[in-house]
């Protein structure tokens, strides 16, 4: 029983100590946070609306705490420009993600590695060998062929059915076919293996959209 009381009192002590003795006056306005969870309870089921409502009260630039992680929220064009243009190098890295660490070799992928010399070299390789104008033009025949195939399939479905056509699957197959032919030299299979790949991509997207409490309260990971 004593351990439970200590577990409750220790976070409360640090919270009160910070509130009473903090001397930082240069931080943006911030709503009152709770011990351990910070402002997570204020996000609700529609975070974008909750953030908009908070910005009406605390201004276009406000500080929130998601667990132990400070989060700067910009809600105006001016504030966004200040962050993304004037101080872009300070905020250029993505937040640390345990999921990205597990799926992308410790966040060593170009999309998740922190800004620095390693990222700059990786970006140069990607731009030179994948995104240069010459390289992009070399994939033109593949893009045109796959786009033409997609249009033909949509035309056939329109002629054989009066039901609504789900374009999502068509664009998914288009994207996967182009990527597969460019990267692997073979067409994306619409059979069983293709469906498995689509399910895997859907699961990956769902995972990245899942809230991981361990990213914000590390000792709960």
C-alpha atoms as a PDB file:
ATOM      1  CA  UNK A   1       0.000   0.000   0.000  1.00  0.00           C
ATOM      2  CA  UNK A   2       2.872   2.354   0.861  1.00  0.00           C
ATOM      3  CA  UNK A   3       4.398   1.776  -2.570  1.00  0.00           C
ATOM      4  CA  UNK A   4       1.172   2.886  -4.235  1.00  0.00           C
ATOM      5  CA  UNK A   5       1.148   6.117  -2.229  1.00  0.00           C
ATOM      6  CA  UNK A   6       4.774   6.800  -3.104  1.00  0.00           C
ATOM      7  CA  UNK A   7       4.019   6.150  -6.781  1.00  0.00           C
ATOM      8  CA  UNK A   8       1.249   8.756  -6.641  1.00  0.00           C
ATOM      9  CA  UNK A   9       3.027  11.345  -4.510  1.00  0.00           C
ATOM     10  CA  UNK A  10       6.360  11.461  -6.336  1.00  0.00           C
ATOM     11  CA  UNK A  11       4.923  12.668  -9.701  1.00  0.00           C
ATOM     12  CA  UNK A  12       2.704  15.117  -7.815  1.00  0.00           C
ATOM     13  CA  UNK A  13       5.740  16.502  -5.957  1.00  0.00           C
ATOM     14  CA  UNK A  14       7.667  17.134  -9.172  1.00  0.00           C
ATOM     15  CA  UNK A  15       4.602  18.701 -10.767  1.00  0.00           C
ATOM     16  CA  UNK A  16       4.088  21.135  -7.879  1.00  0.00           C
ATOM     17  CA  UNK A  17       7.807  21.906  -7.700  1.00  0.00           C
ATOM     18  CA  UNK A  18       7.899  22.802 -11.372  1.00  0.00           C
ATOM     19  CA  UNK A  19       4.776  24.950 -11.108  1.00  0.00           C
ATOM     20  CA  UNK A  20       6.016  26.849  -8.048  1.00  0.00           C
ATOM     21  CA  UNK A  21       9.704  27.277  -8.815  1.00  0.00           C
ATOM     22  CA  UNK A  22       9.936  27.352 -12.594  1.00  0.00           C
ATOM     23  CA  UNK A  23      11.621  30.567 -13.801  1.00  0.00           C
ATOM     24  CA  UNK A  24      11.179  30.085 -17.537  1.00  0.00           C
ATOM     25  CA  UNK A  25       9.251  33.075 -18.909  1.00  0.00           C
ATOM     26  CA  UNK A  26      10.230  32.758 -22.562  1.00  0.00           C
ATOM     27  CA  UNK A  27       8.057  29.784 -23.451  1.00  0.00           C
ATOM     28  CA  UNK A  28       4.869  30.206 -25.504  1.00  0.00           C
ATOM     29  CA  UNK A  29       1.507  30.168 -23.702  1.00  0.00           C
ATOM     30  CA  UNK A  30       0.473  26.729 -22.528  1.00  0.00           C
ATOM     31  CA  UNK A  31      -2.657  25.199 -20.981  1.00  0.00           C
ATOM     32  CA  UNK A  32      -2.297  23.610 -17.569  1.00  0.00           C
ATOM     33  CA  UNK A  33      -0.870  20.112 -17.840  1.00  0.00           C
ATOM     34  CA  UNK A  34      -1.431  17.076 -15.670  1.00  0.00           C
ATOM     35  CA  UNK A  35       1.321  14.935 -14.115  1.00  0.00           C
ATOM     36  CA  UNK A  36       2.612  12.137 -16.351  1.00  0.00           C
ATOM     37  CA  UNK A  37       0.151  12.628 -19.256  1.00  0.00           C
ATOM     38  CA  UNK A  38       0.670  16.367 -19.781  1.00  0.00           C
ATOM     39  CA  UNK A  39      -2.002  17.699 -22.160  1.00  0.00           C
ATOM     40  CA  UNK A  40      -2.874  14.388 -23.809  1.00  0.00           C
ATOM     41  CA  UNK A  41      -6.300  14.416 -22.176  1.00  0.00           C
ATOM     42  CA  UNK A  42      -7.161  17.624 -24.059  1.00  0.00           C
ATOM     43  CA  UNK A  43      -6.763  16.149 -27.552  1.00  0.00           C
ATOM     44  CA  UNK A  44     -10.027  14.207 -27.583  1.00  0.00           C
ATOM     45  CA  UNK A  45     -11.203  12.033 -30.473  1.00  0.00           C
ATOM     46  CA  UNK A  46     -10.748  14.865 -33.016  1.00  0.00           C
ATOM     47  CA  UNK A  47      -7.295  16.338 -32.245  1.00  0.00           C
ATOM     48  CA  UNK A  48      -7.364  18.906 -35.072  1.00  0.00           C
ATOM     49  CA  UNK A  49     -10.532  20.476 -33.682  1.00  0.00           C
ATOM     50  CA  UNK A  50      -9.236  20.359 -30.122  1.00  0.00           C
ATOM     51  CA  UNK A  51      -6.000  22.086 -31.163  1.00  0.00           C
ATOM     52  CA  UNK A  52      -7.960  24.730 -33.067  1.00  0.00           C
ATOM     53  CA  UNK A  53     -10.099  25.403 -30.005  1.00  0.00           C
ATOM     54  CA  UNK A  54      -7.029  25.670 -27.762  1.00  0.00           C
ATOM     55  CA  UNK A  55      -5.345  28.046 -30.212  1.00  0.00           C
ATOM     56  CA  UNK A  56      -8.312  30.409 -29.923  1.00  0.00           C
ATOM     57  CA  UNK A  57      -7.548  30.715 -26.224  1.00  0.00           C
ATOM     58  CA  UNK A  58      -3.739  30.519 -26.109  1.00  0.00           C
ATOM     59  CA  UNK A  59      -2.779  32.101 -29.420  1.00  0.00           C
ATOM     60  CA  UNK A  60      -1.272  31.044 -32.762  1.00  0.00           C
ATOM     61  CA  UNK A  61       1.862  29.635 -31.112  1.00  0.00           C
ATOM     62  CA  UNK A  62       1.340  27.498 -28.031  1.00  0.00           C
ATOM     63  CA  UNK A  63       3.231  24.868 -26.098  1.00  0.00           C
ATOM     64  CA  UNK A  64       1.636  21.533 -25.234  1.00  0.00           C
ATOM     65  CA  UNK A  65       3.067  18.523 -23.463  1.00  0.00           C
ATOM     66  CA  UNK A  66       2.254  15.071 -24.795  1.00  0.00           C
ATOM     67  CA  UNK A  67       3.393  13.034 -21.838  1.00  0.00           C
ATOM     68  CA  UNK A  68       7.025  14.044 -21.326  1.00  0.00           C
ATOM     69  CA  UNK A  69       7.402  15.446 -24.857  1.00  0.00           C
ATOM     70  CA  UNK A  70       7.057  19.205 -25.422  1.00  0.00           C
ATOM     71  CA  UNK A  71       5.107  19.993 -28.601  1.00  0.00           C
ATOM     72  CA  UNK A  72       5.038  23.402 -30.272  1.00  0.00           C
ATOM     73  CA  UNK A  73       1.752  24.021 -32.109  1.00  0.00           C
ATOM     74  CA  UNK A  74       1.612  26.688 -34.841  1.00  0.00           C
ATOM     75  CA  UNK A  75      -1.919  27.730 -35.826  1.00  0.00           C
ATOM     76  CA  UNK A  76      -1.349  30.679 -38.151  1.00  0.00           C
ATOM     77  CA  UNK A  77       0.469  31.353 -41.414  1.00  0.00           C
ATOM     78  CA  UNK A  78       2.910  33.690 -39.681  1.00  0.00           C
ATOM     79  CA  UNK A  79       3.759  31.189 -36.944  1.00  0.00           C
ATOM     80  CA  UNK A  80       4.161  28.371 -39.474  1.00  0.00           C
ATOM     81  CA  UNK A  81       6.511  30.491 -41.623  1.00  0.00           C
ATOM     82  CA  UNK A  82       8.550  31.379 -38.543  1.00  0.00           C
ATOM     83  CA  UNK A  83       9.066  27.689 -37.798  1.00  0.00           C
ATOM     84  CA  UNK A  84       9.371  26.275 -41.322  1.00  0.00           C
ATOM     85  CA  UNK A  85      11.444  29.054 -42.924  1.00  0.00           C
ATOM     86  CA  UNK A  86      13.163  31.259 -40.346  1.00  0.00           C
ATOM     87  CA  UNK A  87      14.058  28.466 -37.896  1.00  0.00           C
ATOM     88  CA  UNK A  88      13.679  25.473 -40.200  1.00  0.00           C
ATOM     89  CA  UNK A  89      16.963  23.810 -39.202  1.00  0.00           C
ATOM     90  CA  UNK A  90      15.925  23.705 -35.553  1.00  0.00           C
ATOM     91  CA  UNK A  91      12.706  21.846 -36.355  1.00  0.00           C
ATOM     92  CA  UNK A  92      13.844  19.819 -39.373  1.00  0.00           C
ATOM     93  CA  UNK A  93      14.031  16.402 -37.675  1.00  0.00           C
ATOM     94  CA  UNK A  94      11.030  14.129 -37.216  1.00  0.00           C
ATOM     95  CA  UNK A  95       9.932  13.204 -33.696  1.00  0.00           C
ATOM     96  CA  UNK A  96      11.489  10.016 -32.362  1.00  0.00           C
ATOM     97  CA  UNK A  97       9.265   7.026 -33.097  1.00  0.00           C
ATOM     98  CA  UNK A  98       9.706   3.525 -31.657  1.00  0.00           C
ATOM     99  CA  UNK A  99       7.787   2.112 -34.631  1.00  0.00           C
ATOM    100  CA  UNK A 100      10.151   3.762 -37.119  1.00  0.00           C
ATOM    101  CA  UNK A 101      13.092   2.408 -35.101  1.00  0.00           C
ATOM    102  CA  UNK A 102      11.754  -1.132 -35.446  1.00  0.00           C
ATOM    103  CA  UNK A 103      10.741  -0.961 -39.120  1.00  0.00           C
ATOM    104  CA  UNK A 104      13.505   1.220 -40.573  1.00  0.00           C
ATOM    105  CA  UNK A 105      16.702  -0.060 -38.972  1.00  0.00           C
ATOM    106  CA  UNK A 106      16.804   2.365 -36.068  1.00  0.00           C
ATOM    107  CA  UNK A 107      15.220   5.201 -38.073  1.00  0.00           C
ATOM    108  CA  UNK A 108      18.090   5.138 -40.574  1.00  0.00           C
ATOM    109  CA  UNK A 109      15.717   5.603 -43.511  1.00  0.00           C
ATOM    110  CA  UNK A 110      15.833   8.927 -45.372  1.00  0.00           C
ATOM    111  CA  UNK A 111      12.290   9.691 -44.229  1.00  0.00           C
ATOM    112  CA  UNK A 112      12.945   9.198 -40.512  1.00  0.00           C
ATOM    113  CA  UNK A 113      16.632   9.762 -39.757  1.00  0.00           C
ATOM    114  CA  UNK A 114      17.380  12.979 -37.830  1.00  0.00           C
ATOM    115  CA  UNK A 115      18.754  15.981 -39.680  1.00  0.00           C
ATOM    116  CA  UNK A 116      22.531  15.918 -39.868  1.00  0.00           C
ATOM    117  CA  UNK A 117      25.471  14.811 -41.990  1.00  0.00           C
ATOM    118  CA  UNK A 118      24.149  11.258 -42.399  1.00  0.00           C
ATOM    119  CA  UNK A 119      20.746  12.510 -43.601  1.00  0.00           C
ATOM    120  CA  UNK A 120      22.351  14.986 -46.027  1.00  0.00           C
ATOM    121  CA  UNK A 121      24.464  12.235 -47.600  1.00  0.00           C
ATOM    122  CA  UNK A 122      21.467   9.913 -47.808  1.00  0.00           C
ATOM    123  CA  UNK A 123      19.370  12.631 -49.425  1.00  0.00           C
ATOM    124  CA  UNK A 124      22.113  13.301 -51.990  1.00  0.00           C
ATOM    125  CA  UNK A 125      22.159   9.614 -52.948  1.00  0.00           C
ATOM    126  CA  UNK A 126      18.365   9.516 -53.300  1.00  0.00           C
ATOM    127  CA  UNK A 127      18.252  12.691 -55.393  1.00  0.00           C
ATOM    128  CA  UNK A 128      21.129  11.588 -57.626  1.00  0.00           C
ATOM    129  CA  UNK A 129      20.078   7.994 -58.262  1.00  0.00           C
ATOM    130  CA  UNK A 130      16.282   8.115 -57.916  1.00  0.00           C
ATOM    131  CA  UNK A 131      14.928  11.634 -58.311  1.00  0.00           C
ATOM    132  CA  UNK A 132      17.207  13.327 -60.830  1.00  0.00           C
ATOM    133  CA  UNK A 133      15.487  14.583 -63.987  1.00  0.00           C
ATOM    134  CA  UNK A 134      17.338  12.040 -66.129  1.00  0.00           C
ATOM    135  CA  UNK A 135      16.362   9.159 -63.854  1.00  0.00           C
ATOM    136  CA  UNK A 136      12.726  10.247 -63.598  1.00  0.00           C
ATOM    137  CA  UNK A 137      12.481  10.539 -67.387  1.00  0.00           C
ATOM    138  CA  UNK A 138      13.885   7.022 -67.751  1.00  0.00           C
ATOM    139  CA  UNK A 139      10.756   5.715 -65.998  1.00  0.00           C
ATOM    140  CA  UNK A 140       8.410   7.623 -68.281  1.00  0.00           C
ATOM    141  CA  UNK A 141       7.466   4.635 -70.469  1.00  0.00           C
ATOM    142  CA  UNK A 142       6.591   2.591 -67.382  1.00  0.00           C
ATOM    143  CA  UNK A 143       4.420   5.369 -65.951  1.00  0.00           C
ATOM    144  CA  UNK A 144       2.591   5.926 -69.230  1.00  0.00           C
ATOM    145  CA  UNK A 145       2.010   2.214 -69.810  1.00  0.00           C
ATOM    146  CA  UNK A 146       0.655   1.582 -66.315  1.00  0.00           C
ATOM    147  CA  UNK A 147      -1.529   4.692 -66.431  1.00  0.00           C
ATOM    148  CA  UNK A 148      -2.953   3.569 -69.766  1.00  0.00           C
ATOM    149  CA  UNK A 149      -3.655   0.102 -68.315  1.00  0.00           C
ATOM    150  CA  UNK A 150      -5.477   1.648 -65.375  1.00  0.00           C
ATOM    151  CA  UNK A 151      -7.649   3.815 -67.632  1.00  0.00           C
ATOM    152  CA  UNK A 152      -8.539   0.767 -69.742  1.00  0.00           C
ATOM    153  CA  UNK A 153      -9.599  -1.187 -66.646  1.00  0.00           C
ATOM    154  CA  UNK A 154     -11.753   1.681 -65.403  1.00  0.00           C
ATOM    155  CA  UNK A 155     -13.345   1.992 -68.858  1.00  0.00           C
ATOM    156  CA  UNK A 156     -14.130  -1.730 -68.884  1.00  0.00           C
ATOM    157  CA  UNK A 157     -15.702  -1.573 -65.431  1.00  0.00           C
ATOM    158  CA  UNK A 158     -17.811   1.422 -66.466  1.00  0.00           C
ATOM    159  CA  UNK A 159     -19.120  -0.487 -69.472  1.00  0.00           C
ATOM    160  CA  UNK A 160     -19.912  -3.728 -67.641  1.00  0.00           C
ATOM    161  CA  UNK A 161     -21.407  -2.438 -64.395  1.00  0.00           C
ATOM    162  CA  UNK A 162     -23.707   0.305 -63.166  1.00  0.00           C
ATOM    163  CA  UNK A 163     -22.308   0.213 -59.632  1.00  0.00           C
ATOM    164  CA  UNK A 164     -19.962   2.791 -58.134  1.00  0.00           C
ATOM    165  CA  UNK A 165     -16.310   2.193 -59.008  1.00  0.00           C
ATOM    166  CA  UNK A 166     -13.808   2.282 -56.160  1.00  0.00           C
ATOM    167  CA  UNK A 167     -10.867   4.226 -57.575  1.00  0.00           C
ATOM    168  CA  UNK A 168      -8.765   3.581 -54.484  1.00  0.00           C
ATOM    169  CA  UNK A 169      -7.867   0.049 -55.587  1.00  0.00           C
ATOM    170  CA  UNK A 170      -7.032   1.228 -59.097  1.00  0.00           C
ATOM    171  CA  UNK A 171      -4.663   3.929 -57.881  1.00  0.00           C
ATOM    172  CA  UNK A 172      -3.138   1.535 -55.362  1.00  0.00           C
ATOM    173  CA  UNK A 173      -2.355  -0.996 -58.103  1.00  0.00           C
ATOM    174  CA  UNK A 174      -1.060   1.791 -60.357  1.00  0.00           C
ATOM    175  CA  UNK A 175       1.366   3.006 -57.698  1.00  0.00           C
ATOM    176  CA  UNK A 176       2.487  -0.497 -56.734  1.00  0.00           C
ATOM    177  CA  UNK A 177       2.975  -1.538 -60.367  1.00  0.00           C
ATOM    178  CA  UNK A 178       5.166   1.474 -61.106  1.00  0.00           C
ATOM    179  CA  UNK A 179       7.243   1.060 -57.942  1.00  0.00           C
ATOM    180  CA  UNK A 180       7.603  -2.699 -58.455  1.00  0.00           C
ATOM    181  CA  UNK A 181       8.700  -2.371 -62.072  1.00  0.00           C
ATOM    182  CA  UNK A 182      11.167   0.409 -61.265  1.00  0.00           C
ATOM    183  CA  UNK A 183      12.635  -1.224 -58.156  1.00  0.00           C
ATOM    184  CA  UNK A 184      12.316  -4.952 -58.931  1.00  0.00           C
ATOM    185  CA  UNK A 185      11.989  -5.094 -62.702  1.00  0.00           C
ATOM    186  CA  UNK A 186       8.719  -7.014 -62.621  1.00  0.00           C
ATOM    187  CA  UNK A 187       5.041  -6.176 -62.554  1.00  0.00           C
ATOM    188  CA  UNK A 188       3.078  -6.019 -59.337  1.00  0.00           C
ATOM    189  CA  UNK A 189       0.906  -9.142 -59.198  1.00  0.00           C
ATOM    190  CA  UNK A 190      -2.830  -8.634 -58.855  1.00  0.00           C
ATOM    191  CA  UNK A 191      -3.271 -12.241 -57.734  1.00  0.00           C
ATOM    192  CA  UNK A 192      -2.783 -13.668 -54.260  1.00  0.00           C
ATOM    193  CA  UNK A 193       0.697 -12.241 -53.769  1.00  0.00           C
ATOM    194  CA  UNK A 194      -0.537  -8.830 -54.868  1.00  0.00           C
ATOM    195  CA  UNK A 195      -3.404  -8.953 -52.395  1.00  0.00           C
ATOM    196  CA  UNK A 196      -0.977  -9.962 -49.635  1.00  0.00           C
ATOM    197  CA  UNK A 197       1.210  -6.998 -50.494  1.00  0.00           C
ATOM    198  CA  UNK A 198      -1.811  -4.688 -50.399  1.00  0.00           C
ATOM    199  CA  UNK A 199      -2.829  -6.024 -46.981  1.00  0.00           C
ATOM    200  CA  UNK A 200       0.731  -5.492 -45.732  1.00  0.00           C
ATOM    201  CA  UNK A 201       0.733  -1.890 -46.962  1.00  0.00           C
ATOM    202  CA  UNK A 202      -2.651  -1.266 -45.325  1.00  0.00           C
ATOM    203  CA  UNK A 203      -1.389  -2.706 -42.035  1.00  0.00           C
ATOM    204  CA  UNK A 204       1.747  -0.572 -42.251  1.00  0.00           C
ATOM    205  CA  UNK A 205      -0.342   2.554 -42.780  1.00  0.00           C
ATOM    206  CA  UNK A 206      -2.561   1.598 -39.867  1.00  0.00           C
ATOM    207  CA  UNK A 207       0.454   1.050 -37.618  1.00  0.00           C
ATOM    208  CA  UNK A 208       1.864   4.479 -38.416  1.00  0.00           C
ATOM    209  CA  UNK A 209      -1.514   6.007 -37.619  1.00  0.00           C
ATOM    210  CA  UNK A 210      -1.702   4.267 -34.245  1.00  0.00           C
ATOM    211  CA  UNK A 211      -1.012   6.230 -31.092  1.00  0.00           C
ATOM    212  CA  UNK A 212       1.942   4.676 -29.242  1.00  0.00           C
ATOM    213  CA  UNK A 213       1.883   5.775 -25.613  1.00  0.00           C
ATOM    214  CA  UNK A 214       5.517   4.682 -25.164  1.00  0.00           C
ATOM    215  CA  UNK A 215       6.691   7.489 -27.461  1.00  0.00           C
ATOM    216  CA  UNK A 216       5.332  10.053 -24.998  1.00  0.00           C
ATOM    217  CA  UNK A 217       5.630   8.261 -21.654  1.00  0.00           C
ATOM    218  CA  UNK A 218       8.834   6.217 -22.155  1.00  0.00           C
ATOM    219  CA  UNK A 219       8.535   4.070 -19.046  1.00  0.00           C
ATOM    220  CA  UNK A 220       5.233   2.679 -20.393  1.00  0.00           C
ATOM    221  CA  UNK A 221       6.844   1.409 -23.599  1.00  0.00           C
END
